[in-house]
PDB file of all heavy atoms in Angstrom:
ATOM      1  N   ASP A   1      26.921  44.219 -32.457  1.00  0.00           N
ATOM      2  CA  ASP A   1      25.620  43.604 -32.759  1.00  0.00           C
ATOM      3  C   ASP A   1      25.237  43.760 -34.225  1.00  0.00           C
ATOM      4  O   ASP A   1      24.270  43.122 -34.679  1.00  0.00           O
ATOM      5  CB  ASP A   1      24.515  44.236 -31.901  1.00  0.00           C
ATOM      6  CG  ASP A   1      24.597  43.816 -30.439  1.00  0.00           C
ATOM      7  OD1 ASP A   1      25.336  42.842 -30.147  1.00  0.00           O
ATOM      8  OD2 ASP A   1      23.938  44.447 -29.603  1.00  0.00           O
ATOM      9  N   PHE A   2      25.957  44.597 -34.969  1.00  0.00           N
ATOM     10  CA  PHE A   2      25.606  44.868 -36.364  1.00  0.00           C
ATOM     11  C   PHE A   2      26.604  44.244 -37.344  1.00  0.00           C
ATOM     12  O   PHE A   2      26.663  44.620 -38.503  1.00  0.00           O
ATOM     13  CB  PHE A   2      25.503  46.379 -36.594  1.00  0.00           C
ATOM     14  CG  PHE A   2      24.473  47.030 -35.720  1.00  0.00           C
ATOM     15  CD1 PHE A   2      24.831  47.619 -34.512  1.00  0.00           C
ATOM     16  CD2 PHE A   2      23.132  47.020 -36.074  1.00  0.00           C
ATOM     17  CE1 PHE A   2      23.883  48.208 -33.687  1.00  0.00           C
ATOM     18  CE2 PHE A   2      22.171  47.604 -35.260  1.00  0.00           C
ATOM     19  CZ  PHE A   2      22.547  48.193 -34.066  1.00  0.00           C
ATOM     20  N   GLN A   3      27.391  43.310 -36.840  1.00  0.00           N
ATOM     21  CA  GLN A   3      28.339  42.601 -37.692  1.00  0.00           C
ATOM     22  C   GLN A   3      27.690  41.318 -38.209  1.00  0.00           C
ATOM     23  O   GLN A   3      26.779  40.800 -37.587  1.00  0.00           O
ATOM     24  CB  GLN A   3      29.613  42.283 -36.899  1.00  0.00           C
ATOM     25  CG  GLN A   3      30.345  43.509 -36.383  1.00  0.00           C
ATOM     26  CD  GLN A   3      30.869  44.399 -37.494  1.00  0.00           C
ATOM     27  OE1 GLN A   3      31.101  43.951 -38.614  1.00  0.00           O
ATOM     28  NE2 GLN A   3      31.038  45.679 -37.204  1.00  0.00           N
ATOM     29  N   PRO A   4      28.110  40.776 -39.345  1.00  0.00           N
ATOM     30  CA  PRO A   4      29.198  41.236 -40.200  1.00  0.00           C
ATOM     31  C   PRO A   4      28.831  42.528 -40.935  1.00  0.00           C
ATOM     32  O   PRO A   4      27.659  42.921 -40.929  1.00  0.00           O
ATOM     33  CB  PRO A   4      29.373  40.068 -41.189  1.00  0.00           C
ATOM     34  CG  PRO A   4      28.023  39.443 -41.261  1.00  0.00           C
ATOM     35  CD  PRO A   4      27.451  39.568 -39.878  1.00  0.00           C
ATOM     36  N   PRO A   5      29.814  43.176 -41.565  1.00  0.00           N
ATOM     37  CA  PRO A   5      29.530  44.446 -42.245  1.00  0.00           C
ATOM     38  C   PRO A   5      28.436  44.277 -43.300  1.00  0.00           C
ATOM     39  O   PRO A   5      28.394  43.269 -44.008  1.00  0.00           O
ATOM     40  CB  PRO A   5      30.874  44.793 -42.903  1.00  0.00           C
ATOM     41  CG  PRO A   5      31.900  44.081 -42.091  1.00  0.00           C
ATOM     42  CD  PRO A   5      31.247  42.803 -41.669  1.00  0.00           C
ATOM     43  N   PRO A   6      27.537  45.264 -43.416  1.00  0.00           N
ATOM     44  CA  PRO A   6      26.487  45.188 -44.427  1.00  0.00           C
ATOM     45  C   PRO A   6      27.039  45.440 -45.821  1.00  0.00           C
ATOM     46  O   PRO A   6      28.161  45.936 -45.991  1.00  0.00           O
ATOM     47  CB  PRO A   6      25.527  46.305 -44.010  1.00  0.00           C
ATOM     48  CG  PRO A   6      26.400  47.302 -43.322  1.00  0.00           C
ATOM     49  CD  PRO A   6      27.460  46.506 -42.627  1.00  0.00           C
ATOM     50  N   ASP A   7      26.236  45.092 -46.819  1.00  0.00           N
ATOM     51  CA  ASP A   7      26.605  45.407 -48.202  1.00  0.00           C
ATOM     52  C   ASP A   7      26.528  46.908 -48.459  1.00  0.00           C
ATOM     53  O   ASP A   7      27.356  47.469 -49.176  1.00  0.00           O
ATOM     54  CB  ASP A   7      25.665  44.684 -49.175  1.00  0.00           C
ATOM     55  CG  ASP A   7      25.767  43.176 -49.039  1.00  0.00           C
ATOM     56  OD1 ASP A   7      26.883  42.640 -49.178  1.00  0.00           O
ATOM     57  OD2 ASP A   7      24.737  42.529 -48.766  1.00  0.00           O
ATOM     58  N   TYR A   8      25.496  47.536 -47.859  1.00  0.00           N
ATOM     59  CA  TYR A   8      25.287  48.971 -48.044  1.00  0.00           C
ATOM     60  C   TYR A   8      25.006  49.639 -46.705  1.00  0.00           C
ATOM     61  O   TYR A   8      24.315  49.071 -45.855  1.00  0.00           O
ATOM     62  CB  TYR A   8      24.085  49.256 -48.959  1.00  0.00           C
ATOM     63  CG  TYR A   8      24.240  48.807 -50.374  1.00  0.00           C
ATOM     64  CD1 TYR A   8      23.746  47.573 -50.785  1.00  0.00           C
ATOM     65  CD2 TYR A   8      24.870  49.619 -51.322  1.00  0.00           C
ATOM     66  CE1 TYR A   8      23.885  47.152 -52.097  1.00  0.00           C
ATOM     67  CE2 TYR A   8      25.006  49.205 -52.633  1.00  0.00           C
ATOM     68  CZ  TYR A   8      24.516  47.964 -53.014  1.00  0.00           C
ATOM     69  OH  TYR A   8      24.649  47.552 -54.311  1.00  0.00           O
ATOM     70  N   ILE A   9      25.518  50.851 -46.559  1.00  0.00           N
ATOM     71  CA  ILE A   9      25.120  51.733 -45.467  1.00  0.00           C
ATOM     72  C   ILE A   9      24.496  52.969 -46.116  1.00  0.00           C
ATOM     73  O   ILE A   9      25.055  53.534 -47.060  1.00  0.00           O
ATOM     74  CB  ILE A   9      26.321  52.133 -44.590  1.00  0.00           C
ATOM     75  CG1 ILE A   9      26.858  50.898 -43.849  1.00  0.00           C
ATOM     76  CG2 ILE A   9      25.927  53.226 -43.595  1.00  0.00           C
ATOM     77  CD1 ILE A   9      28.139  51.151 -43.077  1.00  0.00           C
ATOM     78  N   LEU A  10      23.330  53.361 -45.625  1.00  0.00           N
ATOM     79  CA  LEU A  10      22.615  54.515 -46.161  1.00  0.00           C
ATOM     80  C   LEU A  10      22.627  55.642 -45.138  1.00  0.00           C
ATOM     81  O   LEU A  10      22.429  55.410 -43.947  1.00  0.00           O
ATOM     82  CB  LEU A  10      21.162  54.141 -46.489  1.00  0.00           C
ATOM     83  CG  LEU A  10      20.961  52.931 -47.406  1.00  0.00           C
ATOM     84  CD1 LEU A  10      19.478  52.624 -47.543  1.00  0.00           C
ATOM     85  CD2 LEU A  10      21.597  53.171 -48.770  1.00  0.00           C
ATOM     86  N   MET A  11      22.842  56.872 -45.608  1.00  0.00           N
ATOM     87  CA  MET A  11      22.855  58.049 -44.744  1.00  0.00           C
ATOM     88  C   MET A  11      22.197  59.205 -45.475  1.00  0.00           C
ATOM     89  O   MET A  11      22.590  59.522 -46.603  1.00  0.00           O
ATOM     90  CB  MET A  11      24.288  58.452 -44.388  1.00  0.00           C
ATOM     91  CG  MET A  11      25.099  57.415 -43.650  1.00  0.00           C
ATOM     92  SD  MET A  11      26.871  57.855 -43.639  1.00  0.00           S
ATOM     93  CE  MET A  11      26.826  59.514 -42.983  1.00  0.00           C
ATOM     94  N   ALA A  12      21.219  59.838 -44.864  1.00  0.00           N
ATOM     95  CA  ALA A  12      20.589  61.015 -45.465  1.00  0.00           C
ATOM     96  C   ALA A  12      20.566  62.152 -44.451  1.00  0.00           C
ATOM     97  O   ALA A  12      19.992  62.009 -43.372  1.00  0.00           O
ATOM     98  CB  ALA A  12      19.168  60.705 -45.934  1.00  0.00           C
ATOM     99  N   ASP A  13      21.205  63.242 -44.800  1.00  0.00           N
ATOM    100  CA  ASP A  13      21.276  64.436 -43.948  1.00  0.00           C
ATOM    101  C   ASP A  13      21.748  64.111 -42.530  1.00  0.00           C
ATOM    102  O   ASP A  13      21.101  64.453 -41.545  1.00  0.00           O
ATOM    103  CB  ASP A  13      19.916  65.157 -43.912  1.00  0.00           C
ATOM    104  CG  ASP A  13      19.970  66.473 -44.689  1.00  0.00           C
ATOM    105  OD1 ASP A  13      21.084  66.899 -45.076  1.00  0.00           O
ATOM    106  OD2 ASP A  13      18.906  67.076 -44.901  1.00  0.00           O
ATOM    107  N   CYS A  14      22.915  63.481 -42.455  1.00  0.00           N
ATOM    108  CA  CYS A  14      23.505  63.147 -41.154  1.00  0.00           C
ATOM    109  C   CYS A  14      24.636  64.093 -40.764  1.00  0.00           C
ATOM    110  O   CYS A  14      25.270  63.910 -39.727  1.00  0.00           O
ATOM    111  CB  CYS A  14      24.029  61.712 -41.169  1.00  0.00           C
ATOM    112  SG  CYS A  14      22.726  60.468 -41.204  1.00  0.00           S
ATOM    113  N   ILE A  15      24.899  65.108 -41.595  1.00  0.00           N
ATOM    114  CA  ILE A  15      26.044  65.998 -41.350  1.00  0.00           C
ATOM    115  C   ILE A  15      25.507  67.359 -40.915  1.00  0.00           C
ATOM    116  O   ILE A  15      25.228  68.220 -41.749  1.00  0.00           O
ATOM    117  CB  ILE A  15      26.893  66.169 -42.629  1.00  0.00           C
ATOM    118  CG1 ILE A  15      27.161  64.836 -43.315  1.00  0.00           C
ATOM    119  CG2 ILE A  15      28.197  66.883 -42.319  1.00  0.00           C
ATOM    120  CD1 ILE A  15      27.653  64.982 -44.748  1.00  0.00           C
ATOM    121  N   TYR A  16      25.326  67.562 -39.623  1.00  0.00           N
ATOM    122  CA  TYR A  16      24.842  68.888 -39.218  1.00  0.00           C
ATOM    123  C   TYR A  16      25.294  69.296 -37.819  1.00  0.00           C
ATOM    124  O   TYR A  16      25.282  70.461 -37.499  1.00  0.00           O
ATOM    125  CB  TYR A  16      23.311  68.978 -39.316  1.00  0.00           C
ATOM    126  CG  TYR A  16      22.569  67.808 -38.720  1.00  0.00           C
ATOM    127  CD1 TYR A  16      22.288  67.742 -37.374  1.00  0.00           C
ATOM    128  CD2 TYR A  16      22.139  66.762 -39.531  1.00  0.00           C
ATOM    129  CE1 TYR A  16      21.619  66.669 -36.831  1.00  0.00           C
ATOM    130  CE2 TYR A  16      21.462  65.681 -38.996  1.00  0.00           C
ATOM    131  CZ  TYR A  16      21.203  65.640 -37.651  1.00  0.00           C
ATOM    132  OH  TYR A  16      20.543  64.565 -37.125  1.00  0.00           O
ATOM    133  N   TYR A  17      25.730  68.337 -36.981  1.00  0.00           N
ATOM    134  CA  TYR A  17      26.224  68.692 -35.645  1.00  0.00           C
ATOM    135  C   TYR A  17      27.725  68.482 -35.604  1.00  0.00           C
ATOM    136  O   TYR A  17      28.201  67.372 -35.868  1.00  0.00           O
ATOM    137  CB  TYR A  17      25.573  67.823 -34.571  1.00  0.00           C
ATOM    138  CG  TYR A  17      24.117  68.113 -34.318  1.00  0.00           C
ATOM    139  CD1 TYR A  17      23.211  67.071 -34.143  1.00  0.00           C
ATOM    140  CD2 TYR A  17      23.652  69.421 -34.226  1.00  0.00           C
ATOM    141  CE1 TYR A  17      21.865  67.329 -33.890  1.00  0.00           C
ATOM    142  CE2 TYR A  17      22.320  69.684 -33.978  1.00  0.00           C
ATOM    143  CZ  TYR A  17      21.429  68.631 -33.807  1.00  0.00           C
ATOM    144  OH  TYR A  17      20.100  68.891 -33.565  1.00  0.00           O
ATOM    145  N   GLU A  18      28.460  69.525 -35.255  1.00  0.00           N
ATOM    146  CA  GLU A  18      29.916  69.400 -35.203  1.00  0.00           C
ATOM    147  C   GLU A  18      30.353  68.306 -34.231  1.00  0.00           C
ATOM    148  O   GLU A  18      31.252  67.513 -34.520  1.00  0.00           O
ATOM    149  CB  GLU A  18      30.529  70.749 -34.799  1.00  0.00           C
ATOM    150  CG  GLU A  18      32.021  70.810 -34.956  1.00  0.00           C
ATOM    151  CD  GLU A  18      32.553  72.224 -34.811  1.00  0.00           C
ATOM    152  OE1 GLU A  18      31.788  73.120 -34.383  1.00  0.00           O
ATOM    153  OE2 GLU A  18      33.731  72.432 -35.130  1.00  0.00           O
ATOM    154  N   GLU A  19      29.661  68.234 -33.079  1.00  0.00           N
ATOM    155  CA  GLU A  19      30.052  67.266 -32.054  1.00  0.00           C
ATOM    156  C   GLU A  19      29.741  65.826 -32.454  1.00  0.00           C
ATOM    157  O   GLU A  19      30.229  64.888 -31.832  1.00  0.00           O
ATOM    158  CB  GLU A  19      29.399  67.594 -30.700  1.00  0.00           C
ATOM    159  CG  GLU A  19      27.885  67.650 -30.726  1.00  0.00           C
ATOM    160  CD  GLU A  19      27.343  69.025 -31.078  1.00  0.00           C
ATOM    161  OE1 GLU A  19      28.060  69.838 -31.698  1.00  0.00           O
ATOM    162  OE2 GLU A  19      26.185  69.284 -30.719  1.00  0.00           O
ATOM    163  N   SER A  20      28.946  65.645 -33.513  1.00  0.00           N
ATOM    164  CA  SER A  20      28.606  64.278 -33.927  1.00  0.00           C
ATOM    165  C   SER A  20      29.554  63.732 -34.990  1.00  0.00           C
ATOM    166  O   SER A  20      29.493  62.541 -35.317  1.00  0.00           O
ATOM    167  CB  SER A  20      27.173  64.226 -34.470  1.00  0.00           C
ATOM    168  OG  SER A  20      27.100  64.860 -35.744  1.00  0.00           O
ATOM    169  N   LEU A  21      30.440  64.568 -35.544  1.00  0.00           N
ATOM    170  CA  LEU A  21      31.284  64.122 -36.650  1.00  0.00           C
ATOM    171  C   LEU A  21      32.203  62.971 -36.254  1.00  0.00           C
ATOM    172  O   LEU A  21      32.262  61.948 -36.944  1.00  0.00           O
ATOM    173  CB  LEU A  21      32.114  65.284 -37.194  1.00  0.00           C
ATOM    174  CG  LEU A  21      31.347  66.442 -37.847  1.00  0.00           C
ATOM    175  CD1 LEU A  21      32.331  67.437 -38.449  1.00  0.00           C
ATOM    176  CD2 LEU A  21      30.375  65.942 -38.912  1.00  0.00           C
ATOM    177  N   GLU A  22      32.936  63.122 -35.163  1.00  0.00           N
ATOM    178  CA  GLU A  22      33.872  62.074 -34.743  1.00  0.00           C
ATOM    179  C   GLU A  22      33.146  60.771 -34.411  1.00  0.00           C
ATOM    180  O   GLU A  22      33.563  59.698 -34.874  1.00  0.00           O
ATOM    181  CB  GLU A  22      34.720  62.556 -33.553  1.00  0.00           C
ATOM    182  CG  GLU A  22      35.700  63.682 -33.897  1.00  0.00           C
ATOM    183  CD  GLU A  22      36.964  63.185 -34.590  1.00  0.00           C
ATOM    184  OE1 GLU A  22      37.039  61.976 -34.914  1.00  0.00           O
ATOM    185  OE2 GLU A  22      37.858  64.019 -34.827  1.00  0.00           O
ATOM    186  N   PRO A  23      32.062  60.804 -33.611  1.00  0.00           N
ATOM    187  CA  PRO A  23      31.334  59.550 -33.353  1.00  0.00           C
ATOM    188  C   PRO A  23      30.788  58.911 -34.631  1.00  0.00           C
ATOM    189  O   PRO A  23      30.834  57.686 -34.789  1.00  0.00           O
ATOM    190  CB  PRO A  23      30.197  59.978 -32.424  1.00  0.00           C
ATOM    191  CG  PRO A  23      30.674  61.231 -31.774  1.00  0.00           C
ATOM    192  CD  PRO A  23      31.526  61.909 -32.790  1.00  0.00           C
ATOM    193  N   LEU A  24      30.283  59.722 -35.558  1.00  0.00           N
ATOM    194  CA  LEU A  24      29.757  59.186 -36.809  1.00  0.00           C
ATOM    195  C   LEU A  24      30.871  58.509 -37.608  1.00  0.00           C
ATOM    196  O   LEU A  24      30.685  57.393 -38.134  1.00  0.00           O
ATOM    197  CB  LEU A  24      29.119  60.307 -37.627  1.00  0.00           C
ATOM    198  CG  LEU A  24      28.655  59.952 -39.049  1.00  0.00           C
ATOM    199  CD1 LEU A  24      27.664  58.806 -39.043  1.00  0.00           C
ATOM    200  CD2 LEU A  24      28.059  61.176 -39.741  1.00  0.00           C
ATOM    201  N   LEU A  25      32.017  59.149 -37.716  1.00  0.00           N
ATOM    202  CA  LEU A  25      33.124  58.573 -38.475  1.00  0.00           C
ATOM    203  C   LEU A  25      33.651  57.304 -37.811  1.00  0.00           C
ATOM    204  O   LEU A  25      34.012  56.342 -38.493  1.00  0.00           O
ATOM    205  CB  LEU A  25      34.239  59.608 -38.632  1.00  0.00           C
ATOM    206  CG  LEU A  25      33.884  60.747 -39.590  1.00  0.00           C
ATOM    207  CD1 LEU A  25      34.793  61.946 -39.375  1.00  0.00           C
ATOM    208  CD2 LEU A  25      33.958  60.277 -41.029  1.00  0.00           C
ATOM    209  N   LYS A  26      33.676  57.276 -36.477  1.00  0.00           N
ATOM    210  CA  LYS A  26      34.082  56.061 -35.763  1.00  0.00           C
ATOM    211  C   LYS A  26      33.130  54.913 -36.105  1.00  0.00           C
ATOM    212  O   LYS A  26      33.564  53.786 -36.397  1.00  0.00           O
ATOM    213  CB  LYS A  26      34.073  56.323 -34.247  1.00  0.00           C
ATOM    214  CG  LYS A  26      34.412  55.099 -33.395  1.00  0.00           C
ATOM    215  CD  LYS A  26      34.433  55.466 -31.911  1.00  0.00           C
ATOM    216  CE  LYS A  26      34.875  54.306 -31.029  1.00  0.00           C
ATOM    217  NZ  LYS A  26      33.855  53.235 -30.947  1.00  0.00           N
ATOM    218  N   THR A  27      31.821  55.204 -36.099  1.00  0.00           N
ATOM    219  CA  THR A  27      30.829  54.178 -36.427  1.00  0.00           C
ATOM    220  C   THR A  27      30.998  53.706 -37.865  1.00  0.00           C
ATOM    221  O   THR A  27      30.932  52.503 -38.146  1.00  0.00           O
ATOM    222  CB  THR A  27      29.413  54.733 -36.177  1.00  0.00           C
ATOM    223  OG1 THR A  27      29.256  54.956 -34.776  1.00  0.00           O
ATOM    224  CG2 THR A  27      28.345  53.778 -36.659  1.00  0.00           C
ATOM    225  N   LEU A  28      31.225  54.629 -38.786  1.00  0.00           N
ATOM    226  CA  LEU A  28      31.438  54.248 -40.185  1.00  0.00           C
ATOM    227  C   LEU A  28      32.661  53.350 -40.341  1.00  0.00           C
ATOM    228  O   LEU A  28      32.613  52.343 -41.061  1.00  0.00           O
ATOM    229  CB  LEU A  28      31.604  55.496 -41.054  1.00  0.00           C
ATOM    230  CG  LEU A  28      30.347  56.151 -41.609  1.00  0.00           C
ATOM    231  CD1 LEU A  28      30.728  57.378 -42.434  1.00  0.00           C
ATOM    232  CD2 LEU A  28      29.532  55.180 -42.446  1.00  0.00           C
ATOM    233  N   ARG A  29      33.742  53.712 -39.683  1.00  0.00           N
ATOM    234  CA  ARG A  29      34.964  52.899 -39.786  1.00  0.00           C
ATOM    235  C   ARG A  29      34.722  51.482 -39.276  1.00  0.00           C
ATOM    236  O   ARG A  29      35.197  50.512 -39.858  1.00  0.00           O
ATOM    237  CB  ARG A  29      36.107  53.552 -38.992  1.00  0.00           C
ATOM    238  CG  ARG A  29      36.727  54.767 -39.666  1.00  0.00           C
ATOM    239  CD  ARG A  29      38.035  55.166 -38.996  1.00  0.00           C
ATOM    240  NE  ARG A  29      37.834  55.581 -37.614  1.00  0.00           N
ATOM    241  CZ  ARG A  29      37.605  56.841 -37.231  1.00  0.00           C
ATOM    242  NH1 ARG A  29      37.526  57.811 -38.140  1.00  0.00           N
ATOM    243  NH2 ARG A  29      37.451  57.136 -35.956  1.00  0.00           N
TER     244      ARG A  29
END
């Protein structure tokens, strides 16, 4: 639903739960 890829993706303080790293990286990819 969020395609086509945006020009920019913004992230602020999204790195704090170990269990969220893989899902976050999958979403970024």
